[in-house]
PDB file of N, CA and C in Angstrom:
ATOM      1  N   MET A   1      41.513 -19.617  69.225  1.00  0.00           N
ATOM      2  CA  MET A   1      41.402 -20.842  69.719  1.00  0.00           C
ATOM      3  C   MET A   1      42.944 -21.514  69.720  1.00  0.00           C
ATOM      4  N   THR A   2      43.376 -21.399  68.622  1.00  0.00           N
ATOM      5  CA  THR A   2      44.829 -21.976  68.444  1.00  0.00           C
ATOM      6  C   THR A   2      45.795 -21.403  69.428  1.00  0.00           C
ATOM      7  N   ARG A   3      45.781 -20.367  69.588  1.00  0.00           N
ATOM      8  CA  ARG A   3      46.911 -19.445  70.456  1.00  0.00           C
ATOM      9  C   ARG A   3      46.555 -19.704  71.817  1.00  0.00           C
ATOM     10  N   ASP A   4      45.301 -19.871  72.206  1.00  0.00           N
ATOM     11  CA  ASP A   4      44.830 -20.266  73.722  1.00  0.00           C
ATOM     12  C   ASP A   4      45.505 -21.599  73.971  1.00  0.00           C
ATOM     13  N   PHE A   5      45.207 -22.525  73.169  1.00  0.00           N
ATOM     14  CA  PHE A   5      45.673 -23.954  73.358  1.00  0.00           C
ATOM     15  C   PHE A   5      47.111 -23.882  73.370  1.00  0.00           C
ATOM     16  N   GLN A   6      47.900 -23.188  72.483  1.00  0.00           N
ATOM     17  CA  GLN A   6      49.289 -23.240  72.429  1.00  0.00           C
ATOM     18  C   GLN A   6      49.979 -22.755  73.723  1.00  0.00           C
ATOM     19  N   ALA A   7      49.141 -21.707  74.266  1.00  0.00           N
ATOM     20  CA  ALA A   7      49.568 -21.131  75.520  1.00  0.00           C
ATOM     21  C   ALA A   7      49.447 -21.986  76.798  1.00  0.00           C
ATOM     22  N   TYR A   8      48.196 -22.881  76.787  1.00  0.00           N
ATOM     23  CA  TYR A   8      48.122 -23.921  77.731  1.00  0.00           C
ATOM     24  C   TYR A   8      49.350 -24.974  77.505  1.00  0.00           C
ATOM     25  N   LEU A   9      49.708 -25.282  76.336  1.00  0.00           N
ATOM     26  CA  LEU A   9      50.683 -26.331  76.007  1.00  0.00           C
ATOM     27  C   LEU A   9      52.012 -25.897  76.752  1.00  0.00           C
ATOM     28  N   GLY A  10      52.275 -24.560  76.515  1.00  0.00           N
ATOM     29  CA  GLY A  10      53.514 -23.887  77.008  1.00  0.00           C
ATOM     30  C   GLY A  10      53.589 -24.104  78.390  1.00  0.00           C
ATOM     31  N   GLN A  11      52.577 -24.048  79.133  1.00  0.00           N
ATOM     32  CA  GLN A  11      52.526 -24.360  80.629  1.00  0.00           C
ATOM     33  C   GLN A  11      52.478 -25.709  81.186  1.00  0.00           C
ATOM     34  N   HIS A  12      52.167 -26.707  80.199  1.00  0.00           N
ATOM     35  CA  HIS A  12      51.844 -28.044  80.645  1.00  0.00           C
ATOM     36  C   HIS A  12      52.661 -29.044  79.949  1.00  0.00           C
ATOM     37  N   LEU A  13      53.461 -28.653  79.153  1.00  0.00           N
ATOM     38  CA  LEU A  13      54.495 -29.733  78.455  1.00  0.00           C
ATOM     39  C   LEU A  13      55.502 -30.079  79.370  1.00  0.00           C
ATOM     40  N   THR A  14      56.005 -31.278  79.532  1.00  0.00           N
ATOM     41  CA  THR A  14      57.064 -31.719  80.546  1.00  0.00           C
ATOM     42  C   THR A  14      58.227 -32.068  79.637  1.00  0.00           C
ATOM     43  N   LYS A  15      59.128 -32.429  80.343  1.00  0.00           N
ATOM     44  CA  LYS A  15      60.554 -32.803  79.743  1.00  0.00           C
ATOM     45  C   LYS A  15      60.285 -33.976  78.899  1.00  0.00           C
ATOM     46  N   ALA A  16      59.360 -34.880  79.300  1.00  0.00           N
ATOM     47  CA  ALA A  16      59.214 -36.094  78.418  1.00  0.00           C
ATOM     48  C   ALA A  16      58.528 -35.776  77.020  1.00  0.00           C
ATOM     49  N   ASP A  17      57.865 -34.569  76.924  1.00  0.00           N
ATOM     50  CA  ASP A  17      57.270 -34.228  75.650  1.00  0.00           C
ATOM     51  C   ASP A  17      58.408 -33.638  74.774  1.00  0.00           C
ATOM     52  N   ASP A  18      59.530 -33.316  75.177  1.00  0.00           N
ATOM     53  CA  ASP A  18      60.574 -32.599  74.411  1.00  0.00           C
ATOM     54  C   ASP A  18      60.790 -33.628  73.216  1.00  0.00           C
ATOM     55  N   GLY A  19      60.866 -32.914  72.038  1.00  0.00           N
ATOM     56  CA  GLY A  19      61.096 -33.795  70.744  1.00  0.00           C
ATOM     57  C   GLY A  19      59.946 -34.632  70.228  1.00  0.00           C
ATOM     58  N   THR A  20      58.817 -34.510  70.968  1.00  0.00           N
ATOM     59  CA  THR A  20      57.616 -35.152  70.379  1.00  0.00           C
ATOM     60  C   THR A  20      56.487 -34.031  70.143  1.00  0.00           C
ATOM     61  N   VAL A  21      56.132 -33.327  71.190  1.00  0.00           N
ATOM     62  CA  VAL A  21      55.074 -32.261  70.904  1.00  0.00           C
ATOM     63  C   VAL A  21      55.576 -30.982  71.407  1.00  0.00           C
ATOM     64  N   SER A  22      55.183 -29.955  70.598  1.00  0.00           N
ATOM     65  CA  SER A  22      55.668 -28.675  71.084  1.00  0.00           C
ATOM     66  C   SER A  22      54.426 -27.739  70.703  1.00  0.00           C
ATOM     67  N   GLN A  23      54.709 -26.456  71.191  1.00  0.00           N
ATOM     68  CA  GLN A  23      53.563 -25.360  70.800  1.00  0.00           C
ATOM     69  C   GLN A  23      53.550 -25.251  69.399  1.00  0.00           C
ATOM     70  N   GLN A  24      54.700 -25.226  68.842  1.00  0.00           N
ATOM     71  CA  GLN A  24      54.711 -24.899  67.428  1.00  0.00           C
ATOM     72  C   GLN A  24      54.291 -25.928  66.482  1.00  0.00           C
ATOM     73  N   SER A  25      54.217 -27.199  67.047  1.00  0.00           N
ATOM     74  CA  SER A  25      53.583 -28.302  66.242  1.00  0.00           C
ATOM     75  C   SER A  25      52.250 -28.109  66.012  1.00  0.00           C
ATOM     76  N   VAL A  26      51.479 -27.457  66.862  1.00  0.00           N
ATOM     77  CA  VAL A  26      50.111 -27.284  66.628  1.00  0.00           C
ATOM     78  C   VAL A  26      49.809 -26.037  65.721  1.00  0.00           C
ATOM     79  N   ARG A  27      49.220 -26.578  64.577  1.00  0.00           N
ATOM     80  CA  ARG A  27      48.853 -25.568  63.493  1.00  0.00           C
ATOM     81  C   ARG A  27      47.740 -24.791  63.445  1.00  0.00           C
ATOM     82  N   GLU A  28      46.584 -25.691  63.903  1.00  0.00           N
ATOM     83  CA  GLU A  28      45.328 -25.152  64.028  1.00  0.00           C
ATOM     84  C   GLU A  28      44.445 -25.981  65.012  1.00  0.00           C
ATOM     85  N   THR A  29      43.612 -25.164  65.679  1.00  0.00           N
ATOM     86  CA  THR A  29      42.729 -25.930  66.784  1.00  0.00           C
ATOM     87  C   THR A  29      41.223 -25.209  66.390  1.00  0.00           C
ATOM     88  N   ARG A  30      40.457 -25.989  66.227  1.00  0.00           N
ATOM     89  CA  ARG A  30      39.069 -25.622  65.983  1.00  0.00           C
ATOM     90  C   ARG A  30      38.074 -26.489  66.844  1.00  0.00           C
ATOM     91  N   VAL A  31      37.119 -25.719  67.593  1.00  0.00           N
ATOM     92  CA  VAL A  31      35.972 -26.287  68.255  1.00  0.00           C
ATOM     93  C   VAL A  31      34.679 -25.634  67.745  1.00  0.00           C
ATOM     94  N   ARG A  32      33.737 -26.806  67.656  1.00  0.00           N
ATOM     95  CA  ARG A  32      32.465 -26.206  67.516  1.00  0.00           C
ATOM     96  C   ARG A  32      31.406 -27.092  68.390  1.00  0.00           C
ATOM     97  N   LYS A  33      30.339 -26.524  68.599  1.00  0.00           N
ATOM     98  CA  LYS A  33      29.365 -27.260  69.527  1.00  0.00           C
ATOM     99  C   LYS A  33      28.447 -27.984  68.578  1.00  0.00           C
ATOM    100  N   VAL A  34      28.247 -29.147  69.031  1.00  0.00           N
ATOM    101  CA  VAL A  34      27.083 -30.091  68.372  1.00  0.00           C
ATOM    102  C   VAL A  34      26.184 -30.536  69.397  1.00  0.00           C
ATOM    103  N   ASN A  35      25.002 -29.993  69.470  1.00  0.00           N
ATOM    104  CA  ASN A  35      24.043 -30.084  70.671  1.00  0.00           C
ATOM    105  C   ASN A  35      24.708 -29.623  71.743  1.00  0.00           C
ATOM    106  N   THR A  36      24.951 -30.614  72.892  1.00  0.00           N
ATOM    107  CA  THR A  36      25.695 -30.100  74.176  1.00  0.00           C
ATOM    108  C   THR A  36      27.023 -30.616  74.105  1.00  0.00           C
ATOM    109  N   ALA A  37      27.552 -31.164  73.208  1.00  0.00           N
ATOM    110  CA  ALA A  37      28.951 -31.653  73.262  1.00  0.00           C
ATOM    111  C   ALA A  37      29.616 -30.740  72.197  1.00  0.00           C
ATOM    112  N   GLY A  38      31.216 -30.837  72.429  1.00  0.00           N
ATOM    113  CA  GLY A  38      31.958 -30.064  71.512  1.00  0.00           C
ATOM    114  C   GLY A  38      32.571 -31.064  70.561  1.00  0.00           C
ATOM    115  N   GLU A  39      32.896 -30.562  69.498  1.00  0.00           N
ATOM    116  CA  GLU A  39      33.692 -31.389  68.423  1.00  0.00           C
ATOM    117  C   GLU A  39      34.815 -30.597  68.061  1.00  0.00           C
ATOM    118  N   ALA A  40      36.072 -31.094  68.325  1.00  0.00           N
ATOM    119  CA  ALA A  40      37.232 -30.370  68.028  1.00  0.00           C
ATOM    120  C   ALA A  40      38.078 -30.964  67.048  1.00  0.00           C
ATOM    121  N   ARG A  41      38.927 -30.245  66.349  1.00  0.00           N
ATOM    122  CA  ARG A  41      39.814 -30.789  65.371  1.00  0.00           C
ATOM    123  C   ARG A  41      41.108 -30.062  65.550  1.00  0.00           C
ATOM    124  N   ILE A  42      42.273 -30.762  65.771  1.00  0.00           N
ATOM    125  CA  ILE A  42      43.465 -30.126  65.794  1.00  0.00           C
ATOM    126  C   ILE A  42      44.292 -30.634  64.585  1.00  0.00           C
ATOM    127  N   THR A  43      45.005 -29.627  64.028  1.00  0.00           N
ATOM    128  CA  THR A  43      46.008 -30.070  62.979  1.00  0.00           C
ATOM    129  C   THR A  43      47.230 -29.724  63.478  1.00  0.00           C
ATOM    130  N   PHE A  44      48.095 -30.618  63.430  1.00  0.00           N
ATOM    131  CA  PHE A  44      49.398 -30.547  63.868  1.00  0.00           C
ATOM    132  C   PHE A  44      50.570 -31.180  62.930  1.00  0.00           C
ATOM    133  N   PHE A  45      51.741 -30.393  63.089  1.00  0.00           N
ATOM    134  CA  PHE A  45      52.915 -31.043  62.153  1.00  0.00           C
ATOM    135  C   PHE A  45      53.771 -31.965  63.138  1.00  0.00           C
ATOM    136  N   SER A  46      53.996 -33.130  62.518  1.00  0.00           N
ATOM    137  CA  SER A  46      54.692 -34.102  63.295  1.00  0.00           C
ATOM    138  C   SER A  46      56.156 -34.152  62.494  1.00  0.00           C
ATOM    139  N   TYR A  47      57.085 -34.217  63.365  1.00  0.00           N
ATOM    140  CA  TYR A  47      58.501 -34.394  62.584  1.00  0.00           C
ATOM    141  C   TYR A  47      58.670 -35.803  62.407  1.00  0.00           C
ATOM    142  N   PHE A  48      57.833 -36.936  62.763  1.00  0.00           N
ATOM    143  CA  PHE A  48      58.385 -38.020  62.847  1.00  0.00           C
ATOM    144  C   PHE A  48      57.949 -38.862  61.272  1.00  0.00           C
ATOM    145  N   THR A  49      58.793 -39.537  60.862  1.00  0.00           N
ATOM    146  CA  THR A  49      58.351 -40.406  59.565  1.00  0.00           C
ATOM    147  C   THR A  49      57.837 -41.702  60.128  1.00  0.00           C
ATOM    148  N   ASP A  50      57.965 -42.137  61.324  1.00  0.00           N
ATOM    149  CA  ASP A  50      57.499 -43.262  61.806  1.00  0.00           C
ATOM    150  C   ASP A  50      55.869 -43.065  62.295  1.00  0.00           C
ATOM    151  N   ASP A  51      55.080 -43.718  61.564  1.00  0.00           N
ATOM    152  CA  ASP A  51      53.633 -43.645  61.858  1.00  0.00           C
ATOM    153  C   ASP A  51      53.236 -43.699  63.364  1.00  0.00           C
ATOM    154  N   ALA A  52      53.944 -44.695  64.003  1.00  0.00           N
ATOM    155  CA  ALA A  52      53.509 -45.082  65.348  1.00  0.00           C
ATOM    156  C   ALA A  52      54.060 -43.903  66.316  1.00  0.00           C
ATOM    157  N   LEU A  53      55.284 -43.309  65.825  1.00  0.00           N
ATOM    158  CA  LEU A  53      55.575 -42.315  66.802  1.00  0.00           C
ATOM    159  C   LEU A  53      54.728 -40.988  66.529  1.00  0.00           C
ATOM    160  N   SER A  54      54.229 -40.804  65.335  1.00  0.00           N
ATOM    161  CA  SER A  54      53.275 -39.616  65.098  1.00  0.00           C
ATOM    162  C   SER A  54      52.041 -39.918  65.835  1.00  0.00           C
ATOM    163  N   ARG A  55      51.537 -41.208  65.950  1.00  0.00           N
ATOM    164  CA  ARG A  55      50.366 -41.579  66.620  1.00  0.00           C
ATOM    165  C   ARG A  55      50.416 -41.263  68.144  1.00  0.00           C
ATOM    166  N   ASN A  56      51.619 -41.592  68.641  1.00  0.00           N
ATOM    167  CA  ASN A  56      51.904 -41.348  70.073  1.00  0.00           C
ATOM    168  C   ASN A  56      51.948 -39.909  70.512  1.00  0.00           C
ATOM    169  N   ALA A  57      52.531 -39.175  69.602  1.00  0.00           N
ATOM    170  CA  ALA A  57      52.502 -37.542  69.737  1.00  0.00           C
ATOM    171  C   ALA A  57      51.178 -37.018  69.612  1.00  0.00           C
ATOM    172  N   ALA A  58      50.422 -37.678  68.580  1.00  0.00           N
ATOM    173  CA  ALA A  58      48.992 -37.142  68.499  1.00  0.00           C
ATOM    174  C   ALA A  58      48.179 -37.525  69.676  1.00  0.00           C
ATOM    175  N   LEU A  59      48.310 -38.618  70.294  1.00  0.00           N
ATOM    176  CA  LEU A  59      47.518 -39.107  71.499  1.00  0.00           C
ATOM    177  C   LEU A  59      47.945 -38.299  72.600  1.00  0.00           C
ATOM    178  N   ARG A  60      49.177 -37.789  72.830  1.00  0.00           N
ATOM    179  CA  ARG A  60      49.633 -36.999  74.074  1.00  0.00           C
ATOM    180  C   ARG A  60      48.880 -35.604  73.785  1.00  0.00           C
ATOM    181  N   LEU A  61      48.969 -34.979  72.575  1.00  0.00           N
ATOM    182  CA  LEU A  61      48.387 -33.772  72.148  1.00  0.00           C
ATOM    183  C   LEU A  61      46.731 -33.819  72.596  1.00  0.00           C
ATOM    184  N   ALA A  62      46.100 -34.954  72.161  1.00  0.00           N
ATOM    185  CA  ALA A  62      44.791 -35.047  72.432  1.00  0.00           C
ATOM    186  C   ALA A  62      44.367 -35.236  73.869  1.00  0.00           C
ATOM    187  N   ARG A  63      45.343 -35.898  74.569  1.00  0.00           N
ATOM    188  CA  ARG A  63      45.112 -35.876  76.100  1.00  0.00           C
ATOM    189  C   ARG A  63      45.359 -34.472  76.694  1.00  0.00           C
ATOM    190  N   LEU A  64      46.343 -33.767  76.216  1.00  0.00           N
ATOM    191  CA  LEU A  64      46.478 -32.466  76.725  1.00  0.00           C
ATOM    192  C   LEU A  64      45.285 -31.428  76.431  1.00  0.00           C
ATOM    193  N   PHE A  65      44.720 -31.745  75.240  1.00  0.00           N
ATOM    194  CA  PHE A  65      43.495 -30.972  74.635  1.00  0.00           C
ATOM    195  C   PHE A  65      42.366 -31.270  75.640  1.00  0.00           C
ATOM    196  N   ALA A  66      42.253 -32.458  75.848  1.00  0.00           N
ATOM    197  CA  ALA A  66      41.042 -32.787  76.758  1.00  0.00           C
ATOM    198  C   ALA A  66      41.360 -32.090  78.197  1.00  0.00           C
ATOM    199  N   ASP A  67      42.369 -32.359  78.636  1.00  0.00           N
ATOM    200  CA  ASP A  67      42.653 -31.654  79.998  1.00  0.00           C
ATOM    201  C   ASP A  67      42.507 -30.188  80.014  1.00  0.00           C
ATOM    202  N   TRP A  68      42.856 -29.378  78.846  1.00  0.00           N
ATOM    203  CA  TRP A  68      42.456 -28.060  78.737  1.00  0.00           C
ATOM    204  C   TRP A  68      41.056 -27.900  78.669  1.00  0.00           C
ATOM    205  N   ARG A  69      40.354 -28.501  77.907  1.00  0.00           N
ATOM    206  CA  ARG A  69      38.948 -28.258  77.697  1.00  0.00           C
ATOM    207  C   ARG A  69      38.203 -28.365  79.103  1.00  0.00           C
ATOM    208  N   ARG A  70      38.456 -29.485  79.905  1.00  0.00           N
ATOM    209  CA  ARG A  70      37.778 -29.892  81.075  1.00  0.00           C
ATOM    210  C   ARG A  70      38.252 -28.787  82.075  1.00  0.00           C
ATOM    211  N   GLU A  71      39.434 -28.283  82.159  1.00  0.00           N
ATOM    212  CA  GLU A  71      39.926 -27.358  83.267  1.00  0.00           C
ATOM    213  C   GLU A  71      39.479 -25.840  82.809  1.00  0.00           C
ATOM    214  N   ILE A  72      39.495 -25.445  81.665  1.00  0.00           N
ATOM    215  CA  ILE A  72      39.057 -24.234  81.311  1.00  0.00           C
ATOM    216  C   ILE A  72      37.594 -24.046  81.080  1.00  0.00           C
ATOM    217  N   TYR A  73      36.972 -24.889  80.476  1.00  0.00           N
ATOM    218  CA  TYR A  73      35.588 -24.749  79.891  1.00  0.00           C
ATOM    219  C   TYR A  73      34.669 -25.726  80.441  1.00  0.00           C
ATOM    220  N   GLY A  74      35.050 -26.916  81.202  1.00  0.00           N
ATOM    221  CA  GLY A  74      34.314 -27.857  81.863  1.00  0.00           C
ATOM    222  C   GLY A  74      33.317 -28.336  80.960  1.00  0.00           C
ATOM    223  N   ASP A  75      33.561 -28.560  79.790  1.00  0.00           N
ATOM    224  CA  ASP A  75      32.740 -29.197  78.835  1.00  0.00           C
ATOM    225  C   ASP A  75      33.054 -30.549  78.431  1.00  0.00           C
ATOM    226  N   ALA A  76      32.304 -31.211  77.518  1.00  0.00           N
ATOM    227  CA  ALA A  76      32.637 -32.460  76.905  1.00  0.00           C
ATOM    228  C   ALA A  76      32.626 -32.560  75.523  1.00  0.00           C
ATOM    229  N   GLY A  77      33.307 -33.632  75.051  1.00  0.00           N
ATOM    230  CA  GLY A  77      33.126 -33.716  73.478  1.00  0.00           C
ATOM    231  C   GLY A  77      34.176 -34.637  72.988  1.00  0.00           C
ATOM    232  N   ARG A  78      34.529 -34.363  71.581  1.00  0.00           N
ATOM    233  CA  ARG A  78      35.388 -35.531  71.017  1.00  0.00           C
ATOM    234  C   ARG A  78      36.409 -34.599  70.336  1.00  0.00           C
ATOM    235  N   VAL A  79      37.665 -34.933  70.285  1.00  0.00           N
ATOM    236  CA  VAL A  79      38.770 -34.285  69.601  1.00  0.00           C
ATOM    237  C   VAL A  79      39.376 -35.287  68.743  1.00  0.00           C
ATOM    238  N   SER A  80      39.625 -34.814  67.438  1.00  0.00           N
ATOM    239  CA  SER A  80      40.457 -35.515  66.528  1.00  0.00           C
ATOM    240  C   SER A  80      41.757 -34.726  66.113  1.00  0.00           C
ATOM    241  N   VAL A  81      42.778 -35.473  66.276  1.00  0.00           N
ATOM    242  CA  VAL A  81      44.060 -34.891  65.832  1.00  0.00           C
ATOM    243  C   VAL A  81      44.585 -35.348  64.419  1.00  0.00           C
ATOM    244  N   ARG A  82      44.677 -34.302  63.689  1.00  0.00           N
ATOM    245  CA  ARG A  82      45.111 -34.702  62.086  1.00  0.00           C
ATOM    246  C   ARG A  82      46.416 -34.184  61.791  1.00  0.00           C
ATOM    247  N   SER A  83      47.021 -34.932  60.916  1.00  0.00           N
ATOM    248  CA  SER A  83      48.339 -34.435  60.378  1.00  0.00           C
ATOM    249  C   SER A  83      48.104 -33.190  59.394  1.00  0.00           C
ATOM    250  N   THR A  84      49.102 -32.693  59.138  1.00  0.00           N
ATOM    251  CA  THR A  84      48.898 -31.474  58.062  1.00  0.00           C
ATOM    252  C   THR A  84      48.361 -31.935  56.583  1.00  0.00           C
ATOM    253  N   GLU A  85      48.519 -33.212  56.374  1.00  0.00           N
ATOM    254  CA  GLU A  85      47.855 -33.733  55.107  1.00  0.00           C
ATOM    255  C   GLU A  85      46.503 -34.019  55.310  1.00  0.00           C
ATOM    256  N   GLY A  86      45.854 -34.005  56.587  1.00  0.00           N
ATOM    257  CA  GLY A  86      44.746 -34.307  56.917  1.00  0.00           C
ATOM    258  C   GLY A  86      44.194 -35.837  57.173  1.00  0.00           C
ATOM    259  N   THR A  87      45.350 -36.690  57.511  1.00  0.00           N
ATOM    260  CA  THR A  87      44.900 -37.960  58.026  1.00  0.00           C
ATOM    261  C   THR A  87      44.679 -37.816  59.455  1.00  0.00           C
ATOM    262  N   VAL A  88      43.781 -38.475  59.926  1.00  0.00           N
ATOM    263  CA  VAL A  88      43.260 -38.553  61.327  1.00  0.00           C
ATOM    264  C   VAL A  88      44.146 -39.593  62.030  1.00  0.00           C
ATOM    265  N   LEU A  89      44.942 -39.070  62.943  1.00  0.00           N
ATOM    266  CA  LEU A  89      45.865 -39.922  63.659  1.00  0.00           C
ATOM    267  C   LEU A  89      45.305 -40.610  64.945  1.00  0.00           C
ATOM    268  N   VAL A  90      44.531 -39.844  65.656  1.00  0.00           N
ATOM    269  CA  VAL A  90      43.747 -40.242  66.833  1.00  0.00           C
ATOM    270  C   VAL A  90      42.540 -39.526  67.124  1.00  0.00           C
ATOM    271  N   THR A  91      41.574 -40.151  67.765  1.00  0.00           N
ATOM    272  CA  THR A  91      40.454 -39.456  68.050  1.00  0.00           C
ATOM    273  C   THR A  91      40.030 -39.912  69.657  1.00  0.00           C
ATOM    274  N   LEU A  92      39.580 -38.911  70.553  1.00  0.00           N
ATOM    275  CA  LEU A  92      39.609 -39.104  71.905  1.00  0.00           C
ATOM    276  C   LEU A  92      38.362 -38.359  72.307  1.00  0.00           C
ATOM    277  N   ASN A  93      37.478 -39.028  73.262  1.00  0.00           N
ATOM    278  CA  ASN A  93      36.535 -38.253  73.926  1.00  0.00           C
ATOM    279  C   ASN A  93      37.070 -37.521  75.195  1.00  0.00           C
ATOM    280  N   TRP A  94      36.586 -36.304  75.464  1.00  0.00           N
ATOM    281  CA  TRP A  94      37.000 -35.689  76.663  1.00  0.00           C
ATOM    282  C   TRP A  94      35.564 -35.426  77.580  1.00  0.00           C
TER     283      TRP A  94
END
């Protein structure tokens, strides 16, 4: 799952994402089905020491993940983006 999402990122990141989100910043992507909805967790490495910048990067990553799931799988669910330390930075429904 992680490699598939990283490949999607490689095709959908824009110039505006430079320095904030990259394929290499995604460390792990996991999805499991809970009833009819998906529950996803992304672990990513942020280079930012500023919490607000890390949250903005996590939000961008969550939005890209939501786009990917809708485009490829056509499903719905909730994604949480966590730091490598395990802190939840953002949660988003898709």
